[in-house]
Amino acid sequence: MRLVPTLMPIMFYVTLALYGAASAIVLLRLLRRSRALTVAGRAVFGAGLLAQTLATGALCLHGLHPLRDVAGALHLTTWLLVAAYLATALAWRIDVLGLLVGPLALVLLLSSRLAPRAPPRPLGPHWLALLGKVHLTLVAGGVAAFALAGAVAAAYLLQDRALRRNRPGALYRRTPPLATLDRLGRRLLAIGFPVFTMALVSGVLWVVQLRAPHGLRLEHLVAGGVWLVFAVLLVARWTTGLSARRAALLTVIGFAATVLVLLIYVGRRMVAG
């Protein structure tokens, strides 16, 4: 048990190093056709995921459960994002998404480190604490799905731009057809939207039960805006036949707004201490 405080920072930096190395390997794979680099990229991402799992276990042993505060939720979001990316890379052969997933994982992990941790104390009745954990879990799952959908949408837009300019490059040769990217993006949104919706509902219930004095805040409004963007996107695709290109653009915008929500949360807690 005495090793836990020492293990926590070590595994954190090991995880950062592995995700950074994996991102570099994916970039090298983009520039050079090599099956060995593909396998190496997945293996290093997997090693980083394992290191983060061990770091999470160390946090739990130290009384810092990830479902307690924003910092823990960011840590969980990173884990879910990388796990979802690896599953996608294996199933859909889209390793190039690691170019975006890797740096994003690094930013999320660093943000979780910068955000102050809440003191380990009971948060009201047991059911209320459980509601808070459910809310943070849903937030992490929804943001991870939106992040991966945003990466897919960005790849779609880059490939579409290359085709329109008749300048296919390395990214075009390493990326699946536009129809495949569009289909994967739709599936990710179909998963992320209901999860994010439940996160919003549980968050409202949580705040109401806590009787928080601050009331409605900017991050709540932006989160509502994120939900509205994705709701309009999904409805438009089902009813008006929104083009795949515009859907990809809206997905990127929606994810950018999601990042803004996270930045506001982290920034507010850093200022508050």
C-alpha atoms as a PDB file:
ATOM      1  CA  MET A   1       0.000   0.000   0.000  1.00  0.00           C
ATOM      2  CA  ARG A   2       2.965   2.293   0.638  1.00  0.00           C
ATOM      3  CA  LEU A   3       3.930   1.942  -3.021  1.00  0.00           C
ATOM      4  CA  VAL A   4       0.616   3.420  -4.215  1.00  0.00           C
ATOM      5  CA  PRO A   5       1.541   7.131  -3.870  1.00  0.00           C
ATOM      6  CA  THR A   6       4.774   6.436  -5.794  1.00  0.00           C
ATOM      7  CA  LEU A   7       3.115   4.239  -8.425  1.00  0.00           C
ATOM      8  CA  MET A   8       0.452   6.813  -9.317  1.00  0.00           C
ATOM      9  CA  PRO A   9       2.706   9.516 -10.856  1.00  0.00           C
ATOM     10  CA  ILE A  10       5.004   6.901 -12.429  1.00  0.00           C
ATOM     11  CA  MET A  11       2.156   5.165 -14.264  1.00  0.00           C
ATOM     12  CA  PHE A  12       0.682   8.522 -15.262  1.00  0.00           C
ATOM     13  CA  TYR A  13       3.875   9.597 -17.024  1.00  0.00           C
ATOM     14  CA  VAL A  14       4.370   6.132 -18.505  1.00  0.00           C
ATOM     15  CA  THR A  15       0.862   6.390 -19.973  1.00  0.00           C
ATOM     16  CA  LEU A  16       1.634   9.829 -21.418  1.00  0.00           C
ATOM     17  CA  ALA A  17       4.854   8.545 -22.964  1.00  0.00           C
ATOM     18  CA  LEU A  18       3.169   5.512 -24.511  1.00  0.00           C
ATOM     19  CA  TYR A  19       0.294   7.506 -26.012  1.00  0.00           C
ATOM     20  CA  GLY A  20       2.791  10.006 -27.404  1.00  0.00           C
ATOM     21  CA  ALA A  21       4.930   7.221 -28.872  1.00  0.00           C
ATOM     22  CA  ALA A  22       1.864   5.548 -30.372  1.00  0.00           C
ATOM     23  CA  SER A  23       0.863   8.827 -32.047  1.00  0.00           C
ATOM     24  CA  ALA A  24       4.344   9.148 -33.535  1.00  0.00           C
ATOM     25  CA  ILE A  25       4.195   5.578 -34.862  1.00  0.00           C
ATOM     26  CA  VAL A  26       0.822   6.237 -36.503  1.00  0.00           C
ATOM     27  CA  LEU A  27       2.285   9.347 -38.150  1.00  0.00           C
ATOM     28  CA  LEU A  28       5.241   7.336 -39.414  1.00  0.00           C
ATOM     29  CA  ARG A  29       2.795   4.710 -40.680  1.00  0.00           C
ATOM     30  CA  LEU A  30       1.034   7.441 -42.640  1.00  0.00           C
ATOM     31  CA  LEU A  31       4.273   8.338 -44.382  1.00  0.00           C
ATOM     32  CA  ARG A  32       5.538   4.816 -44.891  1.00  0.00           C
ATOM     33  CA  ARG A  33       3.571   1.737 -45.869  1.00  0.00           C
ATOM     34  CA  SER A  34       4.436  -0.962 -43.332  1.00  0.00           C
ATOM     35  CA  ARG A  35       2.402  -3.712 -41.708  1.00  0.00           C
ATOM     36  CA  ALA A  36       4.916  -3.823 -38.856  1.00  0.00           C
ATOM     37  CA  LEU A  37       4.250  -0.162 -38.040  1.00  0.00           C
ATOM     38  CA  THR A  38       0.494  -0.828 -37.994  1.00  0.00           C
ATOM     39  CA  VAL A  39       0.932  -3.639 -35.493  1.00  0.00           C
ATOM     40  CA  ALA A  40       3.410  -1.578 -33.461  1.00  0.00           C
ATOM     41  CA  GLY A  41       1.029   1.381 -33.270  1.00  0.00           C
ATOM     42  CA  ARG A  42      -1.803  -0.773 -31.976  1.00  0.00           C
ATOM     43  CA  ALA A  43       0.507  -2.546 -29.518  1.00  0.00           C
ATOM     44  CA  VAL A  44       1.841   0.706 -28.055  1.00  0.00           C
ATOM     45  CA  PHE A  45      -1.658   2.162 -27.767  1.00  0.00           C
ATOM     46  CA  GLY A  46      -2.668  -1.053 -26.010  1.00  0.00           C
ATOM     47  CA  ALA A  47       0.313  -0.773 -23.654  1.00  0.00           C
ATOM     48  CA  GLY A  48      -0.694   2.788 -22.866  1.00  0.00           C
ATOM     49  CA  LEU A  49      -4.228   1.627 -22.138  1.00  0.00           C
ATOM     50  CA  LEU A  50      -2.873  -1.042 -19.804  1.00  0.00           C
ATOM     51  CA  ALA A  51      -0.655   1.510 -18.041  1.00  0.00           C
ATOM     52  CA  GLN A  52      -3.624   3.826 -17.595  1.00  0.00           C
ATOM     53  CA  THR A  53      -5.673   0.949 -16.203  1.00  0.00           C
ATOM     54  CA  LEU A  54      -2.955   0.298 -13.629  1.00  0.00           C
ATOM     55  CA  ALA A  55      -2.836   4.021 -12.830  1.00  0.00           C
ATOM     56  CA  THR A  56      -6.603   4.007 -12.299  1.00  0.00           C
ATOM     57  CA  GLY A  57      -6.267   1.025  -9.990  1.00  0.00           C
ATOM     58  CA  ALA A  58      -3.627   2.906  -8.011  1.00  0.00           C
ATOM     59  CA  LEU A  59      -5.969   5.881  -7.729  1.00  0.00           C
ATOM     60  CA  CYS A  60      -8.738   3.655  -6.395  1.00  0.00           C
ATOM     61  CA  LEU A  61      -6.399   2.110  -3.814  1.00  0.00           C
ATOM     62  CA  HIS A  62      -5.450   5.629  -2.740  1.00  0.00           C
ATOM     63  CA  GLY A  63      -9.084   6.576  -2.210  1.00  0.00           C
ATOM     64  CA  LEU A  64      -9.347   8.616  -5.439  1.00  0.00           C
ATOM     65  CA  HIS A  65     -12.077   6.825  -7.338  1.00  0.00           C
ATOM     66  CA  PRO A  66     -12.354   8.180 -10.939  1.00  0.00           C
ATOM     67  CA  LEU A  67     -16.111   8.727 -10.577  1.00  0.00           C
ATOM     68  CA  ARG A  68     -15.787  11.443  -7.939  1.00  0.00           C
ATOM     69  CA  ASP A  69     -15.004  14.633  -9.824  1.00  0.00           C
ATOM     70  CA  VAL A  70     -14.212  16.239 -13.184  1.00  0.00           C
ATOM     71  CA  ALA A  71     -10.557  15.154 -13.050  1.00  0.00           C
ATOM     72  CA  GLY A  72     -11.575  11.527 -12.645  1.00  0.00           C
ATOM     73  CA  ALA A  73     -14.171  11.831 -15.399  1.00  0.00           C
ATOM     74  CA  LEU A  74     -11.497  13.155 -17.790  1.00  0.00           C
ATOM     75  CA  HIS A  75      -9.285  10.207 -16.872  1.00  0.00           C
ATOM     76  CA  LEU A  76     -12.137   7.789 -17.591  1.00  0.00           C
ATOM     77  CA  THR A  77     -12.964   9.601 -20.858  1.00  0.00           C
ATOM     78  CA  THR A  78      -9.378   9.105 -22.027  1.00  0.00           C
ATOM     79  CA  TRP A  79      -9.507   5.399 -21.228  1.00  0.00           C
ATOM     80  CA  LEU A  80     -12.818   4.924 -23.053  1.00  0.00           C
ATOM     81  CA  LEU A  81     -11.607   6.932 -26.062  1.00  0.00           C
ATOM     82  CA  VAL A  82      -8.429   4.885 -26.516  1.00  0.00           C
ATOM     83  CA  ALA A  83     -10.287   1.605 -25.936  1.00  0.00           C
ATOM     84  CA  ALA A  84     -12.919   2.586 -28.524  1.00  0.00           C
ATOM     85  CA  TYR A  85     -10.201   3.640 -30.967  1.00  0.00           C
ATOM     86  CA  LEU A  86      -8.414   0.301 -30.665  1.00  0.00           C
ATOM     87  CA  ALA A  87     -11.670  -1.583 -31.202  1.00  0.00           C
ATOM     88  CA  THR A  88     -12.415   0.579 -34.243  1.00  0.00           C
ATOM     89  CA  ALA A  89      -8.922   0.174 -35.660  1.00  0.00           C
ATOM     90  CA  LEU A  90      -9.193  -3.608 -35.394  1.00  0.00           C
ATOM     91  CA  ALA A  91     -12.739  -3.861 -36.758  1.00  0.00           C
ATOM     92  CA  TRP A  92     -12.669  -1.148 -39.440  1.00  0.00           C
ATOM     93  CA  ARG A  93      -8.925  -0.942 -40.242  1.00  0.00           C
ATOM     94  CA  ILE A  94      -8.804   2.806 -39.613  1.00  0.00           C
ATOM     95  CA  ASP A  95      -5.537   3.159 -37.719  1.00  0.00           C
ATOM     96  CA  VAL A  96      -5.039   6.634 -39.154  1.00  0.00           C
ATOM     97  CA  LEU A  97      -7.530   7.952 -36.581  1.00  0.00           C
ATOM     98  CA  GLY A  98      -4.707   7.569 -34.077  1.00  0.00           C
ATOM     99  CA  LEU A  99      -3.268  10.812 -35.476  1.00  0.00           C
ATOM    100  CA  LEU A 100      -6.154  12.629 -33.770  1.00  0.00           C
ATOM    101  CA  VAL A 101      -6.961  10.218 -30.943  1.00  0.00           C
ATOM    102  CA  GLY A 102      -3.388  10.131 -29.621  1.00  0.00           C
ATOM    103  CA  PRO A 103      -2.925  13.904 -29.147  1.00  0.00           C
ATOM    104  CA  LEU A 104      -6.471  14.212 -27.805  1.00  0.00           C
ATOM    105  CA  ALA A 105      -5.767  11.482 -25.250  1.00  0.00           C
ATOM    106  CA  LEU A 106      -2.654  13.385 -24.164  1.00  0.00           C
ATOM    107  CA  VAL A 107      -4.629  16.623 -23.754  1.00  0.00           C
ATOM    108  CA  LEU A 108      -7.378  14.897 -21.765  1.00  0.00           C
ATOM    109  CA  LEU A 109      -4.863  13.195 -19.478  1.00  0.00           C
ATOM    110  CA  LEU A 110      -2.960  16.423 -18.854  1.00  0.00           C
ATOM    111  CA  SER A 111      -6.251  18.194 -18.158  1.00  0.00           C
ATOM    112  CA  SER A 112      -7.158  15.512 -15.630  1.00  0.00           C
ATOM    113  CA  ARG A 113      -3.817  16.168 -13.960  1.00  0.00           C
ATOM    114  CA  LEU A 114      -4.320  19.935 -13.873  1.00  0.00           C
ATOM    115  CA  ALA A 115      -7.894  19.814 -12.613  1.00  0.00           C
ATOM    116  CA  PRO A 116      -8.004  19.788  -8.781  1.00  0.00           C
ATOM    117  CA  ARG A 117      -9.242  16.589  -7.161  1.00  0.00           C
ATOM    118  CA  ALA A 118     -12.251  16.722  -4.859  1.00  0.00           C
ATOM    119  CA  PRO A 119     -11.520  15.669  -1.258  1.00  0.00           C
ATOM    120  CA  PRO A 120     -12.613  12.091  -0.470  1.00  0.00           C
ATOM    121  CA  ARG A 121     -15.778  12.793   1.490  1.00  0.00           C
ATOM    122  CA  PRO A 122     -19.350  11.470   1.216  1.00  0.00           C
ATOM    123  CA  LEU A 123     -21.553  13.488  -1.113  1.00  0.00           C
ATOM    124  CA  GLY A 124     -24.889  13.411   0.675  1.00  0.00           C
ATOM    125  CA  PRO A 125     -26.998  10.229   0.799  1.00  0.00           C
ATOM    126  CA  HIS A 126     -25.763   7.068  -0.846  1.00  0.00           C
ATOM    127  CA  TRP A 127     -28.293   7.280  -3.683  1.00  0.00           C
ATOM    128  CA  LEU A 128     -27.204  10.836  -4.465  1.00  0.00           C
ATOM    129  CA  ALA A 129     -23.547   9.821  -4.597  1.00  0.00           C
ATOM    130  CA  LEU A 130     -24.544   6.943  -6.886  1.00  0.00           C
ATOM    131  CA  LEU A 131     -26.430   9.359  -9.151  1.00  0.00           C
ATOM    132  CA  GLY A 132     -23.287  11.487  -9.392  1.00  0.00           C
ATOM    133  CA  LYS A 133     -21.217   8.460 -10.407  1.00  0.00           C
ATOM    134  CA  VAL A 134     -23.790   7.481 -13.027  1.00  0.00           C
ATOM    135  CA  HIS A 135     -23.752  11.025 -14.391  1.00  0.00           C
ATOM    136  CA  LEU A 136     -19.950  11.155 -14.673  1.00  0.00           C
ATOM    137  CA  THR A 137     -19.851   7.716 -16.296  1.00  0.00           C
ATOM    138  CA  LEU A 138     -22.413   8.775 -18.905  1.00  0.00           C
ATOM    139  CA  VAL A 139     -20.539  12.020 -19.553  1.00  0.00           C
ATOM    140  CA  ALA A 140     -17.293  10.108 -20.106  1.00  0.00           C
ATOM    141  CA  GLY A 141     -18.985   7.635 -22.441  1.00  0.00           C
ATOM    142  CA  GLY A 142     -20.787  10.322 -24.440  1.00  0.00           C
ATOM    143  CA  VAL A 143     -17.703  12.523 -24.829  1.00  0.00           C
ATOM    144  CA  ALA A 144     -15.553   9.533 -25.860  1.00  0.00           C
ATOM    145  CA  ALA A 145     -18.083   8.562 -28.549  1.00  0.00           C
ATOM    146  CA  PHE A 146     -18.325  12.149 -29.793  1.00  0.00           C
ATOM    147  CA  ALA A 147     -14.520  12.452 -29.811  1.00  0.00           C
ATOM    148  CA  LEU A 148     -14.104   9.357 -31.966  1.00  0.00           C
ATOM    149  CA  ALA A 149     -16.973  10.498 -34.219  1.00  0.00           C
ATOM    150  CA  GLY A 150     -15.223  13.872 -34.516  1.00  0.00           C
ATOM    151  CA  ALA A 151     -11.985  12.149 -35.555  1.00  0.00           C
ATOM    152  CA  VAL A 152     -13.861  10.121 -38.174  1.00  0.00           C
ATOM    153  CA  ALA A 153     -15.606  13.273 -39.444  1.00  0.00           C
ATOM    154  CA  ALA A 154     -12.279  15.115 -39.684  1.00  0.00           C
ATOM    155  CA  ALA A 155     -10.813  12.233 -41.702  1.00  0.00           C
ATOM    156  CA  TYR A 156     -13.888  12.352 -43.963  1.00  0.00           C
ATOM    157  CA  LEU A 157     -13.519  16.083 -44.588  1.00  0.00           C
ATOM    158  CA  LEU A 158      -9.782  15.806 -45.301  1.00  0.00           C
ATOM    159  CA  GLN A 159     -10.310  12.959 -47.755  1.00  0.00           C
ATOM    160  CA  ASP A 160     -13.252  14.737 -49.392  1.00  0.00           C
ATOM    161  CA  ARG A 161     -11.126  17.867 -49.798  1.00  0.00           C
ATOM    162  CA  ALA A 162      -8.307  15.864 -51.371  1.00  0.00           C
ATOM    163  CA  LEU A 163     -10.720  14.279 -53.838  1.00  0.00           C
ATOM    164  CA  ARG A 164     -12.307  17.617 -54.749  1.00  0.00           C
ATOM    165  CA  ARG A 165      -8.877  19.077 -55.483  1.00  0.00           C
ATOM    166  CA  ASN A 166      -7.803  15.884 -57.249  1.00  0.00           C
ATOM    167  CA  ARG A 167      -4.744  15.701 -54.983  1.00  0.00           C
ATOM    168  CA  PRO A 168      -4.899  12.357 -53.183  1.00  0.00           C
ATOM    169  CA  GLY A 169      -1.991  12.001 -50.787  1.00  0.00           C
ATOM    170  CA  ALA A 170      -0.774   9.645 -48.096  1.00  0.00           C
ATOM    171  CA  LEU A 171      -3.857  10.246 -45.946  1.00  0.00           C
ATOM    172  CA  TYR A 172      -6.131   9.301 -48.836  1.00  0.00           C
ATOM    173  CA  ARG A 173      -4.254   6.040 -49.426  1.00  0.00           C
ATOM    174  CA  ARG A 174      -4.405   5.106 -45.717  1.00  0.00           C
ATOM    175  CA  THR A 175      -8.070   6.023 -45.195  1.00  0.00           C
ATOM    176  CA  PRO A 176     -11.112   3.873 -46.081  1.00  0.00           C
ATOM    177  CA  PRO A 177     -13.627   5.098 -48.679  1.00  0.00           C
ATOM    178  CA  LEU A 178     -15.864   8.040 -47.820  1.00  0.00           C
ATOM    179  CA  ALA A 179     -18.926   5.786 -47.597  1.00  0.00           C
ATOM    180  CA  THR A 180     -17.199   3.666 -44.932  1.00  0.00           C
ATOM    181  CA  LEU A 181     -16.227   6.732 -42.895  1.00  0.00           C
ATOM    182  CA  ASP A 182     -19.748   8.099 -43.164  1.00  0.00           C
ATOM    183  CA  ARG A 183     -21.264   4.804 -41.995  1.00  0.00           C
ATOM    184  CA  LEU A 184     -18.887   4.572 -39.036  1.00  0.00           C
ATOM    185  CA  GLY A 185     -19.587   8.195 -38.087  1.00  0.00           C
ATOM    186  CA  ARG A 186     -23.328   7.534 -38.053  1.00  0.00           C
ATOM    187  CA  ARG A 187     -22.915   4.505 -35.823  1.00  0.00           C
ATOM    188  CA  LEU A 188     -20.763   6.410 -33.343  1.00  0.00           C
ATOM    189  CA  LEU A 189     -23.303   9.233 -33.156  1.00  0.00           C
ATOM    190  CA  ALA A 190     -26.108   6.694 -32.724  1.00  0.00           C
ATOM    191  CA  ILE A 191     -24.218   5.438 -29.664  1.00  0.00           C
ATOM    192  CA  GLY A 192     -23.007   8.767 -28.299  1.00  0.00           C
ATOM    193  CA  PHE A 193     -26.200  10.802 -28.581  1.00  0.00           C
ATOM    194  CA  PRO A 194     -28.462   8.712 -26.305  1.00  0.00           C
ATOM    195  CA  VAL A 195     -25.610   8.327 -23.805  1.00  0.00           C
ATOM    196  CA  PHE A 196     -25.020  12.092 -23.788  1.00  0.00           C
ATOM    197  CA  THR A 197     -28.759  12.688 -23.473  1.00  0.00           C
ATOM    198  CA  MET A 198     -28.901  10.486 -20.382  1.00  0.00           C
ATOM    199  CA  ALA A 199     -25.855  12.336 -19.043  1.00  0.00           C
ATOM    200  CA  LEU A 200     -27.684  15.660 -19.359  1.00  0.00           C
ATOM    201  CA  VAL A 201     -30.827  14.309 -17.689  1.00  0.00           C
ATOM    202  CA  SER A 202     -28.898  12.728 -14.817  1.00  0.00           C
ATOM    203  CA  GLY A 203     -26.849  15.926 -14.452  1.00  0.00           C
ATOM    204  CA  VAL A 204     -29.965  18.052 -14.110  1.00  0.00           C
ATOM    205  CA  LEU A 205     -31.380  15.663 -11.505  1.00  0.00           C
ATOM    206  CA  TRP A 206     -28.068  15.648  -9.651  1.00  0.00           C
ATOM    207  CA  VAL A 207     -27.772  19.440  -9.525  1.00  0.00           C
ATOM    208  CA  VAL A 208     -31.403  19.823  -8.442  1.00  0.00           C
ATOM    209  CA  GLN A 209     -31.006  17.289  -5.644  1.00  0.00           C
ATOM    210  CA  LEU A 210     -27.765  18.912  -4.517  1.00  0.00           C
ATOM    211  CA  ARG A 211     -29.574  22.264  -4.396  1.00  0.00           C
ATOM    212  CA  ALA A 212     -26.449  23.883  -5.817  1.00  0.00           C
ATOM    213  CA  PRO A 213     -26.394  27.633  -5.115  1.00  0.00           C
ATOM    214  CA  HIS A 214     -24.736  28.642  -8.398  1.00  0.00           C
ATOM    215  CA  GLY A 215     -27.755  27.641 -10.543  1.00  0.00           C
ATOM    216  CA  LEU A 216     -27.378  27.705 -14.325  1.00  0.00           C
ATOM    217  CA  ARG A 217     -23.836  28.211 -15.584  1.00  0.00           C
ATOM    218  CA  LEU A 218     -22.166  28.781 -18.942  1.00  0.00           C
ATOM    219  CA  GLU A 219     -21.006  25.168 -19.250  1.00  0.00           C
ATOM    220  CA  HIS A 220     -24.604  23.983 -18.787  1.00  0.00           C
ATOM    221  CA  LEU A 221     -25.753  26.208 -21.649  1.00  0.00           C
ATOM    222  CA  VAL A 222     -22.930  25.063 -23.932  1.00  0.00           C
ATOM    223  CA  ALA A 223     -23.679  21.418 -23.089  1.00  0.00           C
ATOM    224  CA  GLY A 224     -27.289  22.048 -24.064  1.00  0.00           C
ATOM    225  CA  GLY A 225     -26.018  23.566 -27.298  1.00  0.00           C
ATOM    226  CA  VAL A 226     -23.927  20.451 -27.975  1.00  0.00           C
ATOM    227  CA  TRP A 227     -26.997  18.279 -27.484  1.00  0.00           C
ATOM    228  CA  LEU A 228     -28.992  20.498 -29.842  1.00  0.00           C
ATOM    229  CA  VAL A 229     -26.318  20.354 -32.578  1.00  0.00           C
ATOM    230  CA  PHE A 230     -26.232  16.560 -32.548  1.00  0.00           C
ATOM    231  CA  ALA A 231     -30.024  16.316 -32.261  1.00  0.00           C
ATOM    232  CA  VAL A 232     -30.460  18.511 -35.350  1.00  0.00           C
ATOM    233  CA  LEU A 233     -27.764  16.507 -37.129  1.00  0.00           C
ATOM    234  CA  LEU A 234     -29.425  13.150 -36.477  1.00  0.00           C
ATOM    235  CA  VAL A 235     -32.929  14.366 -37.291  1.00  0.00           C
ATOM    236  CA  ALA A 236     -31.724  16.022 -40.501  1.00  0.00           C
ATOM    237  CA  ARG A 237     -29.999  12.832 -41.636  1.00  0.00           C
ATOM    238  CA  TRP A 238     -33.131  10.781 -41.016  1.00  0.00           C
ATOM    239  CA  THR A 239     -35.659  13.190 -42.509  1.00  0.00           C
ATOM    240  CA  THR A 240     -34.130  15.626 -45.013  1.00  0.00           C
ATOM    241  CA  GLY A 241     -31.264  13.488 -46.295  1.00  0.00           C
ATOM    242  CA  LEU A 242     -28.503  15.790 -45.063  1.00  0.00           C
ATOM    243  CA  SER A 243     -25.361  15.256 -47.131  1.00  0.00           C
ATOM    244  CA  ALA A 244     -22.518  13.280 -45.594  1.00  0.00           C
ATOM    245  CA  ARG A 245     -20.135  16.214 -46.005  1.00  0.00           C
ATOM    246  CA  ARG A 246     -22.374  18.605 -44.081  1.00  0.00           C
ATOM    247  CA  ALA A 247     -23.010  15.944 -41.465  1.00  0.00           C
ATOM    248  CA  ALA A 248     -19.254  15.557 -40.989  1.00  0.00           C
ATOM    249  CA  LEU A 249     -18.875  19.316 -40.642  1.00  0.00           C
ATOM    250  CA  LEU A 250     -21.639  19.486 -38.022  1.00  0.00           C
ATOM    251  CA  THR A 251     -20.030  16.592 -36.170  1.00  0.00           C
ATOM    252  CA  VAL A 252     -16.720  18.439 -35.959  1.00  0.00           C
ATOM    253  CA  ILE A 253     -18.522  21.584 -34.762  1.00  0.00           C
ATOM    254  CA  GLY A 254     -20.440  19.599 -32.151  1.00  0.00           C
ATOM    255  CA  PHE A 255     -17.295  17.987 -30.845  1.00  0.00           C
ATOM    256  CA  ALA A 256     -15.493  21.342 -30.735  1.00  0.00           C
ATOM    257  CA  ALA A 257     -18.335  22.611 -28.539  1.00  0.00           C
ATOM    258  CA  THR A 258     -17.934  19.520 -26.357  1.00  0.00           C
ATOM    259  CA  VAL A 259     -14.260  20.370 -25.873  1.00  0.00           C
ATOM    260  CA  LEU A 260     -15.310  23.901 -24.908  1.00  0.00           C
ATOM    261  CA  VAL A 261     -17.565  22.480 -22.171  1.00  0.00           C
ATOM    262  CA  LEU A 262     -14.655  20.447 -20.778  1.00  0.00           C
ATOM    263  CA  LEU A 263     -12.347  23.474 -20.878  1.00  0.00           C
ATOM    264  CA  ILE A 264     -14.875  25.576 -18.967  1.00  0.00           C
ATOM    265  CA  TYR A 265     -15.303  22.878 -16.320  1.00  0.00           C
ATOM    266  CA  VAL A 266     -11.542  22.419 -15.871  1.00  0.00           C
ATOM    267  CA  GLY A 267     -10.843  26.147 -15.936  1.00  0.00           C
ATOM    268  CA  ARG A 268     -13.529  26.921 -13.373  1.00  0.00           C
ATOM    269  CA  ARG A 269     -12.239  24.301 -10.972  1.00  0.00           C
ATOM    270  CA  MET A 270      -8.637  25.444 -11.390  1.00  0.00           C
ATOM    271  CA  VAL A 271      -9.631  28.993 -10.547  1.00  0.00           C
ATOM    272  CA  ALA A 272     -11.764  27.825  -7.626  1.00  0.00           C
ATOM    273  CA  GLY A 273      -8.916  25.638  -6.406  1.00  0.00           C
END
